[in-house]
Structure formats: structure tokens, C-alpha cells
Protein backbone atom coordinates (compact mmCIF):
# COMPACT_ATOMS: atom_id res chain seq x y z
CA UNK A 1 -12.53 6.94 5.67
CA UNK A 2 -12.34 8.50 2.25
CA UNK A 3 -13.95 7.12 -0.91
CA UNK A 4 -11.73 7.56 -3.92
CA UNK A 5 -12.40 7.04 -7.64
CA UNK A 6 -14.79 4.14 -7.30
CA UNK A 7 -16.84 2.75 -4.47
CA UNK A 8 -17.23 -0.64 -6.15
CA UNK A 9 -14.72 -3.44 -6.48
CA UNK A 10 -12.69 -3.08 -9.65
CA UNK A 11 -13.06 -6.27 -11.67
CA UNK A 12 -13.51 -7.65 -15.15
CA UNK A 13 -17.18 -8.08 -16.06
CA UNK A 14 -16.41 -11.69 -16.99
CA UNK A 15 -14.93 -12.44 -13.57
CA UNK A 16 -17.48 -14.70 -11.89
CA UNK A 17 -15.38 -14.78 -8.71
CA UNK A 18 -15.59 -11.01 -8.15
CA UNK A 19 -17.43 -9.84 -5.03
CA UNK A 20 -20.95 -8.53 -5.47
CA UNK A 21 -21.28 -4.96 -6.69
CA UNK A 22 -22.45 -3.95 -3.21
CA UNK A 23 -18.96 -4.73 -1.86
CA UNK A 24 -16.61 -1.77 -1.82
CA UNK A 25 -12.88 -1.37 -1.55
CA UNK A 26 -13.49 1.17 1.19
CA UNK A 27 -15.52 -1.27 3.27
CA UNK A 28 -12.97 -3.99 2.57
CA UNK A 29 -10.09 -1.86 3.87
CA UNK A 30 -12.01 -0.66 6.92
CA UNK A 31 -13.26 -4.11 7.93
CA UNK A 32 -10.42 -6.43 6.94
CA UNK A 33 -7.39 -4.26 7.56
CA UNK A 34 -8.28 -1.62 10.11
CA UNK A 35 -10.87 -3.43 12.28
CA UNK A 36 -9.50 -6.99 12.02
CA UNK A 37 -5.94 -5.89 12.79
CA UNK A 38 -7.05 -5.20 16.37
CA UNK A 39 -5.52 -1.76 16.34
CA UNK A 40 -2.21 -2.44 14.60
CA UNK A 41 -2.91 -0.97 11.13
CA UNK A 42 -2.83 2.83 11.21
CA UNK A 43 -3.51 3.58 7.54
CA UNK A 44 -4.30 1.52 4.45
CA UNK A 45 -4.81 2.04 0.75
CA UNK A 46 -5.54 -0.11 -2.28
CA UNK A 47 -4.83 0.85 -5.87
CA UNK A 48 -4.59 -0.66 -9.33
CA UNK A 49 -1.29 -2.40 -9.99
CA UNK A 50 -1.25 -1.20 -13.61
CA UNK A 51 -2.12 2.50 -13.60
CA UNK A 52 -1.93 3.20 -9.88
CA UNK A 53 -5.50 4.51 -9.67
CA UNK A 54 -6.31 4.95 -6.00
CA UNK A 55 -9.45 2.90 -5.25
CA UNK A 56 -9.70 3.49 -1.50
CA UNK A 57 -7.76 4.90 1.42
CA UNK A 58 -8.60 4.85 5.11
CA UNK A 59 -7.14 5.35 8.57
CA UNK A 60 -7.83 3.94 12.03
CA UNK A 61 -9.46 7.15 13.25
CA UNK A 62 -11.31 9.81 11.28
CA UNK A 63 -8.89 12.40 12.71
CA UNK A 64 -5.84 10.51 11.36
CA UNK A 65 -4.52 11.35 7.88
CA UNK A 66 -5.30 8.93 5.05
CA UNK A 67 -2.63 7.71 2.66
CA UNK A 68 -2.41 9.28 -0.76
CA UNK A 69 0.11 9.61 -3.55
CA UNK A 70 1.80 12.97 -3.93
CA UNK A 71 3.96 14.66 -6.54
CA UNK A 72 6.55 17.20 -5.37
CA UNK A 73 10.13 18.44 -5.68
CA UNK A 74 12.65 16.92 -3.24
CA UNK A 75 16.38 17.09 -2.63
CA UNK A 76 17.77 13.66 -3.46
CA UNK A 77 21.33 12.36 -3.03
CA UNK A 78 22.66 10.92 -6.29
CA UNK A 79 26.10 9.74 -7.40
CA UNK A 80 26.81 13.27 -8.64
CA UNK A 81 25.65 14.94 -5.40
CA UNK A 82 22.39 16.42 -4.16
CA UNK A 83 19.84 17.21 -6.87
CA UNK A 84 16.32 18.54 -6.85
CA UNK A 85 14.10 15.91 -8.48
CA UNK A 86 10.39 15.68 -9.21
CA UNK A 87 9.03 12.86 -7.03
CA UNK A 88 5.93 11.12 -8.41
CA UNK A 89 5.09 8.67 -5.62
CA UNK A 90 2.51 6.71 -7.60
CA UNK A 91 4.86 5.97 -10.49
CA UNK A 92 7.79 5.25 -8.17
CA UNK A 93 5.68 2.70 -6.29
CA UNK A 94 4.38 1.13 -9.52
CA UNK A 95 7.91 0.77 -10.93
CA UNK A 96 9.25 -0.67 -7.70
CA UNK A 97 6.43 -3.18 -7.21
CA UNK A 98 6.08 -4.24 -10.86
CA UNK A 99 9.83 -4.91 -11.04
CA UNK A 100 9.55 -6.82 -7.73
CA UNK A 101 12.03 -4.48 -6.11
CA UNK A 102 14.49 -4.52 -9.00
CA UNK A 103 13.89 -0.94 -10.10
CA UNK A 104 14.76 1.45 -7.29
CA UNK A 105 14.73 5.20 -7.70
CA UNK A 106 17.29 7.59 -6.28
CA UNK A 107 14.27 9.30 -4.69
CA UNK A 108 13.61 6.16 -2.65
CA UNK A 109 10.37 4.55 -1.58
CA UNK A 110 7.92 7.35 -0.79
CA UNK A 111 4.26 7.52 0.14
CA UNK A 112 2.27 10.44 1.52
CA UNK A 113 5.25 12.76 1.29
CA UNK A 114 7.39 10.52 3.50
CA UNK A 115 10.50 8.58 2.47
CA UNK A 116 10.80 5.04 3.84
CA UNK A 117 13.93 2.92 4.14
CA UNK A 118 13.42 -0.48 2.56
CA UNK A 119 13.84 -3.11 5.28
CA UNK A 120 12.79 -6.30 3.49
CA UNK A 121 11.51 -7.31 0.06
CA UNK A 122 10.44 -10.87 -0.76
CA UNK A 123 7.97 -13.10 -2.56
CA UNK A 124 5.52 -14.49 0.00
CA UNK A 125 5.63 -18.30 0.03
CA UNK A 126 1.92 -18.70 0.71
CA UNK A 127 0.47 -16.21 -1.80
CA UNK A 128 3.37 -15.82 -4.26
CA UNK A 129 2.82 -12.06 -4.01
CA UNK A 130 5.76 -9.66 -3.95
CA UNK A 131 5.84 -7.92 -0.56
CA UNK A 132 8.04 -5.14 0.83
CA UNK A 133 8.45 -3.62 4.27
CA UNK A 134 9.82 -0.16 5.00
CA UNK A 135 10.49 2.05 8.00
CA UNK A 136 10.79 5.76 8.75
CA UNK A 137 11.48 6.46 12.39
CA UNK A 138 8.56 5.02 14.35
CA UNK A 139 6.36 4.63 11.25
CA UNK A 140 6.37 1.31 9.42
CA UNK A 141 5.10 0.44 5.96
CA UNK A 142 3.98 -2.81 4.33
CA UNK A 143 3.23 -3.15 0.60
CA UNK A 144 1.98 -6.15 -1.35
CA UNK A 145 1.44 -6.71 -5.08
CA UNK A 146 -1.41 -9.01 -6.11
CA UNK A 147 -2.63 -9.95 -9.59
CA UNK A 148 -4.62 -6.70 -9.86
CA UNK A 149 -3.83 -4.53 -6.84
CA UNK A 150 -1.19 -2.92 -4.71
CA UNK A 151 -2.10 -2.81 -1.02
CA UNK A 152 -0.27 -0.49 1.37
CA UNK A 153 -0.53 -0.45 5.18
CA UNK A 154 1.23 1.57 7.85
CA UNK A 155 1.69 1.32 11.60
CA UNK A 156 2.78 3.95 14.09
CA UNK A 157 4.74 2.79 17.15
CA UNK A 158 3.96 6.08 18.94
CA UNK A 159 0.27 5.04 18.85
CA UNK A 160 1.07 1.58 20.26
CA UNK A 161 1.01 -0.26 16.91
CA UNK A 162 3.39 -3.13 16.29
CA UNK A 163 4.95 -4.14 12.99
CA UNK A 164 4.39 -7.88 13.14
CA UNK A 165 0.59 -7.75 13.62
CA UNK A 166 0.33 -5.02 10.96
CA UNK A 167 2.27 -7.13 8.47
CA UNK A 168 0.22 -10.17 9.48
CA UNK A 169 -3.00 -8.26 8.72
CA UNK A 170 -1.57 -7.27 5.33
CA UNK A 171 -0.72 -10.88 4.49
CA UNK A 172 -4.16 -12.09 5.60
CA UNK A 173 -5.86 -9.45 3.44
CA UNK A 174 -3.63 -10.28 0.46
CA UNK A 175 -4.43 -13.97 0.90
CA UNK A 176 -8.13 -13.07 0.72
CA UNK A 177 -7.62 -10.94 -2.41
CA UNK A 178 -5.68 -13.76 -4.09
CA UNK A 179 -8.50 -16.19 -3.26
CA UNK A 180 -10.90 -13.79 -5.00
CA UNK A 181 -8.55 -13.55 -8.02
CA UNK A 182 -7.54 -9.97 -7.30
């Protein structure tokens, strides 16, 4: 597990529903997404839904890579042919999620240097949070937008993970965040 930017929950000082200052995003991800998913969430991250600041990122095993946003040059197919574009994963994700899937980049949906094919995008009936699922080979991705956060989870079929329990863990975690006004 890696602590990023802030160990404490990000909240408004006036928010009486915020968790105690001893609660951390890192602990939250490790306990509620990794541990409670019974082995179906490979990696998870939580960031601000406004500036994309990465608050925490973790993986199922210390030896597994953690998720992070990268910036790099990539060959991208456009209407005028292949072009080399600067890919800023954080800003691509922010634009995609804030527009509820309406603003899609030619560079695609990318996280951790990997490009994912969008499989499904919808507003969850229970939480009213925009949610998207993606896939790249045997790696799956789930993303949810709450009032204050973007939560990302992955699963890896080669490690025995399944998509449905991973997405279920994401929705359960998002439901918790919504109940805490995050």
C-alpha cells in the first residue's frame, strides 16, 4: 500500500458527517475494497473528482503494482490517421467522468499506462453515481464518480479475479462514500 498526498480523509471542515481524522483513505481502500472483496479487487485508487489529486492507491499484494496516473506520448488513431499525442491520464479521466461519459478522447480511457476499452457506462440506480466499466485483455476496470471522489478498481482474470465481484465491491464502497457525503 502506498500513501499519497494525504493520509487523512479529504473533507470540508464544516462537514459533520466526515469520518474522524484518524480514518485514512489508504485504510479505507485496503479494508473496504481489497480485503472485503474476498480477493476480487486487484488494485484500487481514490482521487478528488475536481482536480484529480491522488489521495490513495493500493494493491492486493505488496508485490503488485499500484495504480497511478501517468503522462506520456502515445500513437493514437484519429480521423486523419495515426498521430503522436500527449496522454495525460488524470485529465482524460476527469473529463470523461465529469461529463458522465460524454467527453471521450481519441486517446481513449487510460490508467497506469494501459488503454481500456469502454464496456459499459451508466448512472447507478441505487447511488445515482456515474459508473463505467472497461476491459483490456484479461484486466478489467471499474470507475465511479461520487460527489467528491473518483474511485477506480481493477481485477485480473489471470490471478483468478472475477469482474462481477470486483464491480460489486466498487458499488458497495461507493454506496458507503455516498452515505458519508463523499
